[in-house]
Amino acid sequence: MTPKVDPDFRRQLEGWSLATAEIYYRMPDARSLIQTYLWQDYDLAPDFPRLREFLDFWTRELDGPLHSVRLSHARLLGPREVRYRNHEIVLH
């Protein structure tokens, strides 16, 4: 039986990192007011295709025009942090 690997864990090993974007946008009814929206997902630096896809959707489908985006990301896990072992310990 092959153990199942969490897809998020697999993506981290492939170079994906957790990206957090703080999106500032103008309110549709009151353009002088700026609101924030927090977006977070795994994405590939430095191009961030998932974030770009989301921002394209926002621009195309939502009424509140974007003001600015502040992005941060961190690699949570890299290949150098994982060691493969050739043995298994079974408890009970």
PDB file of N, CA and C in Angstrom:
ATOM      1  N   MET A   1       0.838  -1.172   0.000  1.00  0.00           N
ATOM      2  CA  MET A   1       0.000   0.000   0.000  1.00  0.00           C
ATOM      3  C   MET A   1       0.893   1.250   0.000  1.00  0.00           C
ATOM      4  N   THR A   2       0.676   2.120  -0.949  1.00  0.00           N
ATOM      5  CA  THR A   2       1.441   3.351  -1.061  1.00  0.00           C
ATOM      6  C   THR A   2       0.804   4.435  -0.196  1.00  0.00           C
ATOM      7  N   PRO A   3       1.603   5.062   0.687  1.00  0.00           N
ATOM      8  CA  PRO A   3       1.015   6.124   1.525  1.00  0.00           C
ATOM      9  C   PRO A   3       0.658   7.345   0.689  1.00  0.00           C
ATOM     10  N   LYS A   4      -0.411   8.008   1.078  1.00  0.00           N
ATOM     11  CA  LYS A   4      -0.829   9.220   0.377  1.00  0.00           C
ATOM     12  C   LYS A   4      -0.020  10.399   0.888  1.00  0.00           C
ATOM     13  N   VAL A   5       0.403  11.240  -0.025  1.00  0.00           N
ATOM     14  CA  VAL A   5       1.178  12.430   0.322  1.00  0.00           C
ATOM     15  C   VAL A   5       0.281  13.637   0.179  1.00  0.00           C
ATOM     16  N   ASP A   6       0.297  14.484   1.190  1.00  0.00           N
ATOM     17  CA  ASP A   6      -0.494  15.703   1.166  1.00  0.00           C
ATOM     18  C   ASP A   6      -0.078  16.560  -0.026  1.00  0.00           C
ATOM     19  N   PRO A   7      -1.037  17.002  -0.857  1.00  0.00           N
ATOM     20  CA  PRO A   7      -0.682  17.796  -2.046  1.00  0.00           C
ATOM     21  C   PRO A   7       0.048  19.099  -1.704  1.00  0.00           C
ATOM     22  N   ASP A   8      -0.293  19.735  -0.589  1.00  0.00           N
ATOM     23  CA  ASP A   8       0.405  20.963  -0.195  1.00  0.00           C
ATOM     24  C   ASP A   8       1.858  20.673   0.154  1.00  0.00           C
ATOM     25  N   PHE A   9       2.109  19.555   0.820  1.00  0.00           N
ATOM     26  CA  PHE A   9       3.479  19.161   1.153  1.00  0.00           C
ATOM     27  C   PHE A   9       4.276  18.897  -0.127  1.00  0.00           C
ATOM     28  N   ARG A  10       3.658  18.200  -1.070  1.00  0.00           N
ATOM     29  CA  ARG A  10       4.329  17.905  -2.341  1.00  0.00           C
ATOM     30  C   ARG A  10       4.670  19.201  -3.086  1.00  0.00           C
ATOM     31  N   ARG A  11       3.747  20.157  -3.100  1.00  0.00           N
ATOM     32  CA  ARG A  11       4.003  21.438  -3.769  1.00  0.00           C
ATOM     33  C   ARG A  11       5.169  22.183  -3.124  1.00  0.00           C
ATOM     34  N   GLN A  12       5.260  22.117  -1.793  1.00  0.00           N
ATOM     35  CA  GLN A  12       6.369  22.781  -1.114  1.00  0.00           C
ATOM     36  C   GLN A  12       7.699  22.169  -1.538  1.00  0.00           C
ATOM     37  N   LEU A  13       7.743  20.857  -1.709  1.00  0.00           N
ATOM     38  CA  LEU A  13       8.967  20.212  -2.172  1.00  0.00           C
ATOM     39  C   LEU A  13       9.299  20.595  -3.609  1.00  0.00           C
ATOM     40  N   GLU A  14       8.296  20.957  -4.387  1.00  0.00           N
ATOM     41  CA  GLU A  14       8.495  21.362  -5.780  1.00  0.00           C
ATOM     42  C   GLU A  14       8.802  22.847  -5.924  1.00  0.00           C
ATOM     43  N   GLY A  15       8.899  23.582  -4.805  1.00  0.00           N
ATOM     44  CA  GLY A  15       9.291  24.984  -4.864  1.00  0.00           C
ATOM     45  C   GLY A  15       8.179  25.983  -4.632  1.00  0.00           C
ATOM     46  N   TRP A  16       6.960  25.516  -4.397  1.00  0.00           N
ATOM     47  CA  TRP A  16       5.861  26.432  -4.110  1.00  0.00           C
ATOM     48  C   TRP A  16       6.055  27.005  -2.713  1.00  0.00           C
ATOM     49  N   SER A  17       5.615  28.229  -2.508  1.00  0.00           N
ATOM     50  CA  SER A  17       5.717  28.861  -1.200  1.00  0.00           C
ATOM     51  C   SER A  17       4.370  29.472  -0.832  1.00  0.00           C
ATOM     52  N   LEU A  18       4.187  29.692   0.450  1.00  0.00           N
ATOM     53  CA  LEU A  18       2.955  30.302   0.923  1.00  0.00           C
ATOM     54  C   LEU A  18       3.035  31.803   0.665  1.00  0.00           C
ATOM     55  N   ALA A  19       2.115  32.307  -0.137  1.00  0.00           N
ATOM     56  CA  ALA A  19       2.090  33.728  -0.483  1.00  0.00           C
ATOM     57  C   ALA A  19       0.880  34.380   0.170  1.00  0.00           C
ATOM     58  N   THR A  20       1.107  35.553   0.717  1.00  0.00           N
ATOM     59  CA  THR A  20       0.035  36.329   1.338  1.00  0.00           C
ATOM     60  C   THR A  20       0.019  37.700   0.685  1.00  0.00           C
ATOM     61  N   ALA A  21      -1.136  38.085   0.165  1.00  0.00           N
ATOM     62  CA  ALA A  21      -1.273  39.392  -0.482  1.00  0.00           C
ATOM     63  C   ALA A  21      -2.314  40.205   0.268  1.00  0.00           C
ATOM     64  N   GLU A  22      -1.918  41.405   0.639  1.00  0.00           N
ATOM     65  CA  GLU A  22      -2.855  42.355   1.226  1.00  0.00           C
ATOM     66  C   GLU A  22      -3.281  43.272   0.080  1.00  0.00           C
ATOM     67  N   ILE A  23      -4.535  43.139  -0.316  1.00  0.00           N
ATOM     68  CA  ILE A  23      -5.053  43.835  -1.485  1.00  0.00           C
ATOM     69  C   ILE A  23      -5.841  45.061  -1.020  1.00  0.00           C
ATOM     70  N   TYR A  24      -5.434  46.214  -1.497  1.00  0.00           N
ATOM     71  CA  TYR A  24      -6.131  47.465  -1.192  1.00  0.00           C
ATOM     72  C   TYR A  24      -6.983  47.829  -2.408  1.00  0.00           C
ATOM     73  N   TYR A  25      -8.255  48.106  -2.166  1.00  0.00           N
ATOM     74  CA  TYR A  25      -9.146  48.442  -3.275  1.00  0.00           C
ATOM     75  C   TYR A  25     -10.088  49.561  -2.851  1.00  0.00           C
ATOM     76  N   ARG A  26     -10.586  50.263  -3.845  1.00  0.00           N
ATOM     77  CA  ARG A  26     -11.529  51.360  -3.592  1.00  0.00           C
ATOM     78  C   ARG A  26     -12.942  50.803  -3.524  1.00  0.00           C
ATOM     79  N   MET A  27     -13.725  51.347  -2.602  1.00  0.00           N
ATOM     80  CA  MET A  27     -15.109  50.916  -2.465  1.00  0.00           C
ATOM     81  C   MET A  27     -15.888  51.347  -3.711  1.00  0.00           C
ATOM     82  N   PRO A  28     -16.733  50.461  -4.252  1.00  0.00           N
ATOM     83  CA  PRO A  28     -17.465  50.799  -5.470  1.00  0.00           C
ATOM     84  C   PRO A  28     -18.377  52.022  -5.309  1.00  0.00           C
ATOM     85  N   ASP A  29     -19.009  52.172  -4.148  1.00  0.00           N
ATOM     86  CA  ASP A  29     -19.959  53.273  -3.926  1.00  0.00           C
ATOM     87  C   ASP A  29     -19.314  54.549  -3.416  1.00  0.00           C
ATOM     88  N   ALA A  30     -18.117  54.431  -2.868  1.00  0.00           N
ATOM     89  CA  ALA A  30     -17.417  55.596  -2.317  1.00  0.00           C
ATOM     90  C   ALA A  30     -15.935  55.466  -2.673  1.00  0.00           C
ATOM     91  N   ARG A  31     -15.574  55.959  -3.832  1.00  0.00           N
ATOM     92  CA  ARG A  31     -14.219  55.763  -4.370  1.00  0.00           C
ATOM     93  C   ARG A  31     -13.116  56.373  -3.517  1.00  0.00           C
ATOM     94  N   SER A  32     -13.470  57.291  -2.614  1.00  0.00           N
ATOM     95  CA  SER A  32     -12.443  57.901  -1.772  1.00  0.00           C
ATOM     96  C   SER A  32     -12.057  56.997  -0.590  1.00  0.00           C
ATOM     97  N   LEU A  33     -12.860  55.940  -0.330  1.00  0.00           N
ATOM     98  CA  LEU A  33     -12.573  55.006   0.756  1.00  0.00           C
ATOM     99  C   LEU A  33     -11.809  53.794   0.227  1.00  0.00           C
ATOM    100  N   ILE A  34     -10.800  53.379   0.980  1.00  0.00           N
ATOM    101  CA  ILE A  34     -10.009  52.213   0.598  1.00  0.00           C
ATOM    102  C   ILE A  34     -10.237  51.111   1.613  1.00  0.00           C
ATOM    103  N   GLN A  35     -10.498  49.927   1.128  1.00  0.00           N
ATOM    104  CA  GLN A  35     -10.754  48.740   1.941  1.00  0.00           C
ATOM    105  C   GLN A  35      -9.622  47.746   1.695  1.00  0.00           C
ATOM    106  N   THR A  36      -9.441  46.778   2.599  1.00  0.00           N
ATOM    107  CA  THR A  36      -8.414  45.753   2.391  1.00  0.00           C
ATOM    108  C   THR A  36      -9.053  44.376   2.293  1.00  0.00           C
ATOM    109  N   TYR A  37      -8.373  43.500   1.574  1.00  0.00           N
ATOM    110  CA  TYR A  37      -8.765  42.105   1.430  1.00  0.00           C
ATOM    111  C   TYR A  37      -7.490  41.286   1.554  1.00  0.00           C
ATOM    112  N   LEU A  38      -7.515  40.208   2.328  1.00  0.00           N
ATOM    113  CA  LEU A  38      -6.349  39.372   2.518  1.00  0.00           C
ATOM    114  C   LEU A  38      -6.511  38.083   1.735  1.00  0.00           C
ATOM    115  N   TRP A  39      -5.537  37.800   0.863  1.00  0.00           N
ATOM    116  CA  TRP A  39      -5.535  36.594   0.023  1.00  0.00           C
ATOM    117  C   TRP A  39      -4.331  35.765   0.396  1.00  0.00           C
ATOM    118  N   GLN A  40      -4.503  34.440   0.517  1.00  0.00           N
ATOM    119  CA  GLN A  40      -3.381  33.574   0.855  1.00  0.00           C
ATOM    120  C   GLN A  40      -3.544  32.242   0.144  1.00  0.00           C
ATOM    121  N   ASP A  41      -2.445  31.786  -0.478  1.00  0.00           N
ATOM    122  CA  ASP A  41      -2.450  30.505  -1.185  1.00  0.00           C
ATOM    123  C   ASP A  41      -1.009  30.120  -1.473  1.00  0.00           C
ATOM    124  N   TYR A  42      -0.800  28.880  -1.880  1.00  0.00           N
ATOM    125  CA  TYR A  42       0.532  28.472  -2.328  1.00  0.00           C
ATOM    126  C   TYR A  42       0.732  28.968  -3.748  1.00  0.00           C
ATOM    127  N   ASP A  43       1.919  29.504  -4.022  1.00  0.00           N
ATOM    128  CA  ASP A  43       2.201  30.077  -5.335  1.00  0.00           C
ATOM    129  C   ASP A  43       3.682  29.922  -5.650  1.00  0.00           C
ATOM    130  N   LEU A  44       4.043  30.137  -6.901  1.00  0.00           N
ATOM    131  CA  LEU A  44       5.427  30.007  -7.356  1.00  0.00           C
ATOM    132  C   LEU A  44       6.069  31.377  -7.514  1.00  0.00           C
ATOM    133  N   ALA A  45       7.075  31.651  -6.683  1.00  0.00           N
ATOM    134  CA  ALA A  45       7.831  32.902  -6.808  1.00  0.00           C
ATOM    135  C   ALA A  45       8.811  32.749  -7.967  1.00  0.00           C
ATOM    136  N   PRO A  46       9.186  33.758  -8.681  1.00  0.00           N
ATOM    137  CA  PRO A  46       8.860  35.157  -8.491  1.00  0.00           C
ATOM    138  C   PRO A  46       7.685  35.630  -9.342  1.00  0.00           C
ATOM    139  N   ASP A  47       7.110  34.757 -10.168  1.00  0.00           N
ATOM    140  CA  ASP A  47       6.038  35.184 -11.081  1.00  0.00           C
ATOM    141  C   ASP A  47       4.649  35.190 -10.440  1.00  0.00           C
ATOM    142  N   PHE A  48       4.429  34.366  -9.433  1.00  0.00           N
ATOM    143  CA  PHE A  48       3.165  34.280  -8.709  1.00  0.00           C
ATOM    144  C   PHE A  48       1.958  34.141  -9.649  1.00  0.00           C
ATOM    145  N   PRO A  49       1.899  33.047 -10.416  1.00  0.00           N
ATOM    146  CA  PRO A  49       0.793  32.873 -11.380  1.00  0.00           C
ATOM    147  C   PRO A  49      -0.580  32.776 -10.732  1.00  0.00           C
ATOM    148  N   ARG A  50      -0.697  32.166  -9.553  1.00  0.00           N
ATOM    149  CA  ARG A  50      -2.013  32.064  -8.906  1.00  0.00           C
ATOM    150  C   ARG A  50      -2.518  33.430  -8.465  1.00  0.00           C
ATOM    151  N   LEU A  51      -1.632  34.258  -7.908  1.00  0.00           N
ATOM    152  CA  LEU A  51      -2.024  35.609  -7.503  1.00  0.00           C
ATOM    153  C   LEU A  51      -2.404  36.435  -8.719  1.00  0.00           C
ATOM    154  N   ARG A  52      -1.627  36.350  -9.787  1.00  0.00           N
ATOM    155  CA  ARG A  52      -1.948  37.094 -11.011  1.00  0.00           C
ATOM    156  C   ARG A  52      -3.313  36.681 -11.558  1.00  0.00           C
ATOM    157  N   GLU A  53      -3.590  35.385 -11.516  1.00  0.00           N
ATOM    158  CA  GLU A  53      -4.895  34.887 -11.974  1.00  0.00           C
ATOM    159  C   GLU A  53      -6.016  35.470 -11.123  1.00  0.00           C
ATOM    160  N   PHE A  54      -5.813  35.515  -9.802  1.00  0.00           N
ATOM    161  CA  PHE A  54      -6.824  36.083  -8.916  1.00  0.00           C
ATOM    162  C   PHE A  54      -7.016  37.574  -9.175  1.00  0.00           C
ATOM    163  N   LEU A  55      -5.921  38.313  -9.344  1.00  0.00           N
ATOM    164  CA  LEU A  55      -6.029  39.751  -9.598  1.00  0.00           C
ATOM    165  C   LEU A  55      -6.676  40.033 -10.954  1.00  0.00           C
ATOM    166  N   ASP A  56      -6.406  39.183 -11.948  1.00  0.00           N
ATOM    167  CA  ASP A  56      -7.078  39.321 -13.245  1.00  0.00           C
ATOM    168  C   ASP A  56      -8.583  39.111 -13.089  1.00  0.00           C
ATOM    169  N   PHE A  57      -8.967  38.088 -12.295  1.00  0.00           N
ATOM    170  CA  PHE A  57     -10.384  37.846 -12.024  1.00  0.00           C
ATOM    171  C   PHE A  57     -10.999  39.065 -11.336  1.00  0.00           C
ATOM    172  N   TRP A  58     -10.300  39.593 -10.336  1.00  0.00           N
ATOM    173  CA  TRP A  58     -10.791  40.762  -9.586  1.00  0.00           C
ATOM    174  C   TRP A  58     -11.051  41.925 -10.543  1.00  0.00           C
ATOM    175  N   THR A  59     -10.070  42.226 -11.375  1.00  0.00           N
ATOM    176  CA  THR A  59     -10.189  43.352 -12.304  1.00  0.00           C
ATOM    177  C   THR A  59     -11.338  43.153 -13.292  1.00  0.00           C
ATOM    178  N   ARG A  60     -11.515  41.927 -13.736  1.00  0.00           N
ATOM    179  CA  ARG A  60     -12.521  41.621 -14.746  1.00  0.00           C
ATOM    180  C   ARG A  60     -13.931  41.531 -14.176  1.00  0.00           C
ATOM    181  N   GLU A  61     -14.089  40.980 -12.950  1.00  0.00           N
ATOM    182  CA  GLU A  61     -15.417  40.625 -12.443  1.00  0.00           C
ATOM    183  C   GLU A  61     -15.940  41.487 -11.284  1.00  0.00           C
ATOM    184  N   LEU A  62     -15.073  42.140 -10.536  1.00  0.00           N
ATOM    185  CA  LEU A  62     -15.532  42.863  -9.345  1.00  0.00           C
ATOM    186  C   LEU A  62     -15.558  44.367  -9.589  1.00  0.00           C
ATOM    187  N   ASP A  63     -16.407  45.053  -8.839  1.00  0.00           N
ATOM    188  CA  ASP A  63     -16.607  46.489  -9.045  1.00  0.00           C
ATOM    189  C   ASP A  63     -15.579  47.366  -8.343  1.00  0.00           C
ATOM    190  N   GLY A  64     -14.994  46.908  -7.239  1.00  0.00           N
ATOM    191  CA  GLY A  64     -14.041  47.728  -6.500  1.00  0.00           C
ATOM    192  C   GLY A  64     -12.685  47.747  -7.185  1.00  0.00           C
ATOM    193  N   PRO A  65     -12.297  48.887  -7.782  1.00  0.00           N
ATOM    194  CA  PRO A  65     -11.012  48.940  -8.490  1.00  0.00           C
ATOM    195  C   PRO A  65      -9.829  48.801  -7.535  1.00  0.00           C
ATOM    196  N   LEU A  66      -8.797  48.095  -7.991  1.00  0.00           N
ATOM    197  CA  LEU A  66      -7.601  47.884  -7.184  1.00  0.00           C
ATOM    198  C   LEU A  66      -6.842  49.189  -6.985  1.00  0.00           C
ATOM    199  N   HIS A  67      -6.350  49.374  -5.783  1.00  0.00           N
ATOM    200  CA  HIS A  67      -5.494  50.519  -5.472  1.00  0.00           C
ATOM    201  C   HIS A  67      -4.036  50.070  -5.446  1.00  0.00           C
ATOM    202  N   SER A  68      -3.745  49.021  -4.651  1.00  0.00           N
ATOM    203  CA  SER A  68      -2.384  48.501  -4.553  1.00  0.00           C
ATOM    204  C   SER A  68      -2.420  47.105  -3.933  1.00  0.00           C
ATOM    205  N   VAL A  69      -1.291  46.411  -4.041  1.00  0.00           N
ATOM    206  CA  VAL A  69      -1.162  45.062  -3.494  1.00  0.00           C
ATOM    207  C   VAL A  69       0.176  44.971  -2.786  1.00  0.00           C
ATOM    208  N   ARG A  70       0.147  44.470  -1.565  1.00  0.00           N
ATOM    209  CA  ARG A  70       1.381  44.239  -0.807  1.00  0.00           C
ATOM    210  C   ARG A  70       1.535  42.727  -0.650  1.00  0.00           C
ATOM    211  N   LEU A  71       2.673  42.194  -1.075  1.00  0.00           N
ATOM    212  CA  LEU A  71       2.870  40.751  -1.139  1.00  0.00           C
ATOM    213  C   LEU A  71       4.017  40.329  -0.232  1.00  0.00           C
ATOM    214  N   SER A  72       3.818  39.214   0.446  1.00  0.00           N
ATOM    215  CA  SER A  72       4.911  38.587   1.182  1.00  0.00           C
ATOM    216  C   SER A  72       4.804  37.083   0.965  1.00  0.00           C
ATOM    217  N   HIS A  73       5.946  36.429   0.994  1.00  0.00           N
ATOM    218  CA  HIS A  73       5.933  34.976   0.845  1.00  0.00           C
ATOM    219  C   HIS A  73       7.138  34.394   1.553  1.00  0.00           C
ATOM    220  N   ALA A  74       7.022  33.139   1.901  1.00  0.00           N
ATOM    221  CA  ALA A  74       8.115  32.453   2.574  1.00  0.00           C
ATOM    222  C   ALA A  74       8.080  30.985   2.190  1.00  0.00           C
ATOM    223  N   ARG A  75       9.244  30.480   1.887  1.00  0.00           N
ATOM    224  CA  ARG A  75       9.339  29.034   1.666  1.00  0.00           C
ATOM    225  C   ARG A  75       9.267  28.365   3.015  1.00  0.00           C
ATOM    226  N   LEU A  76       8.270  27.552   3.195  1.00  0.00           N
ATOM    227  CA  LEU A  76       8.086  26.892   4.477  1.00  0.00           C
ATOM    228  C   LEU A  76       8.942  25.637   4.595  1.00  0.00           C
ATOM    229  N   LEU A  77       9.233  25.018   3.465  1.00  0.00           N
ATOM    230  CA  LEU A  77       9.952  23.761   3.474  1.00  0.00           C
ATOM    231  C   LEU A  77      10.712  23.629   2.173  1.00  0.00           C
ATOM    232  N   GLY A  78      11.923  23.187   2.250  1.00  0.00           N
ATOM    233  CA  GLY A  78      12.710  22.966   1.047  1.00  0.00           C
ATOM    234  C   GLY A  78      13.289  21.568   1.040  1.00  0.00           C
ATOM    235  N   PRO A  79      13.764  21.107  -0.096  1.00  0.00           N
ATOM    236  CA  PRO A  79      14.310  19.749  -0.193  1.00  0.00           C
ATOM    237  C   PRO A  79      15.453  19.495   0.790  1.00  0.00           C
ATOM    238  N   ARG A  80      16.216  20.530   1.129  1.00  0.00           N
ATOM    239  CA  ARG A  80      17.338  20.338   2.048  1.00  0.00           C
ATOM    240  C   ARG A  80      16.885  20.017   3.462  1.00  0.00           C
ATOM    241  N   GLU A  81      15.614  20.251   3.769  1.00  0.00           N
ATOM    242  CA  GLU A  81      15.101  20.031   5.117  1.00  0.00           C
ATOM    243  C   GLU A  81      14.443  18.665   5.284  1.00  0.00           C
ATOM    244  N   VAL A  82      14.373  17.895   4.223  1.00  0.00           N
ATOM    245  CA  VAL A  82      13.724  16.593   4.279  1.00  0.00           C
ATOM    246  C   VAL A  82      14.781  15.518   4.087  1.00  0.00           C
ATOM    247  N   ARG A  83      14.771  14.550   4.967  1.00  0.00           N
ATOM    248  CA  ARG A  83      15.700  13.427   4.850  1.00  0.00           C
ATOM    249  C   ARG A  83      14.887  12.161   4.638  1.00  0.00           C
ATOM    250  N   TYR A  84      15.296  11.386   3.671  1.00  0.00           N
ATOM    251  CA  TYR A  84      14.617  10.130   3.395  1.00  0.00           C
ATOM    252  C   TYR A  84      15.343   9.016   4.140  1.00  0.00           C
ATOM    253  N   ARG A  85      14.588   8.166   4.787  1.00  0.00           N
ATOM    254  CA  ARG A  85      15.135   7.049   5.543  1.00  0.00           C
ATOM    255  C   ARG A  85      14.762   5.753   4.848  1.00  0.00           C
ATOM    256  N   ASN A  86      15.602   4.761   5.020  1.00  0.00           N
ATOM    257  CA  ASN A  86      15.354   3.463   4.390  1.00  0.00           C
ATOM    258  C   ASN A  86      14.746   2.458   5.358  1.00  0.00           C
ATOM    259  N   HIS A  87      14.287   2.883   6.501  1.00  0.00           N
ATOM    260  CA  HIS A  87      13.687   1.965   7.452  1.00  0.00           C
ATOM    261  C   HIS A  87      12.356   2.517   7.957  1.00  0.00           C
ATOM    262  N   GLU A  88      11.637   1.643   8.598  1.00  0.00           N
ATOM    263  CA  GLU A  88      10.311   1.998   9.079  1.00  0.00           C
ATOM    264  C   GLU A  88      10.148   1.486  10.492  1.00  0.00           C
ATOM    265  N   ILE A  89       9.527   2.262  11.352  1.00  0.00           N
ATOM    266  CA  ILE A  89       9.246   1.829  12.712  1.00  0.00           C
ATOM    267  C   ILE A  89       7.744   1.622  12.845  1.00  0.00           C
ATOM    268  N   VAL A  90       7.349   0.459  13.291  1.00  0.00           N
ATOM    269  CA  VAL A  90       5.944   0.159  13.450  1.00  0.00           C
ATOM    270  C   VAL A  90       5.649  -0.004  14.936  1.00  0.00           C
ATOM    271  N   LEU A  91       4.674   0.740  15.424  1.00  0.00           N
ATOM    272  CA  LEU A  91       4.247   0.630  16.802  1.00  0.00           C
ATOM    273  C   LEU A  91       2.922  -0.109  16.849  1.00  0.00           C
ATOM    274  N   HIS A  92       2.902  -1.199  17.561  1.00  0.00           N
ATOM    275  CA  HIS A  92       1.712  -2.026  17.748  1.00  0.00           C
ATOM    276  C   HIS A  92       1.112  -2.415  16.439  1.00  0.00           C
TER     277      HIS A  92
END
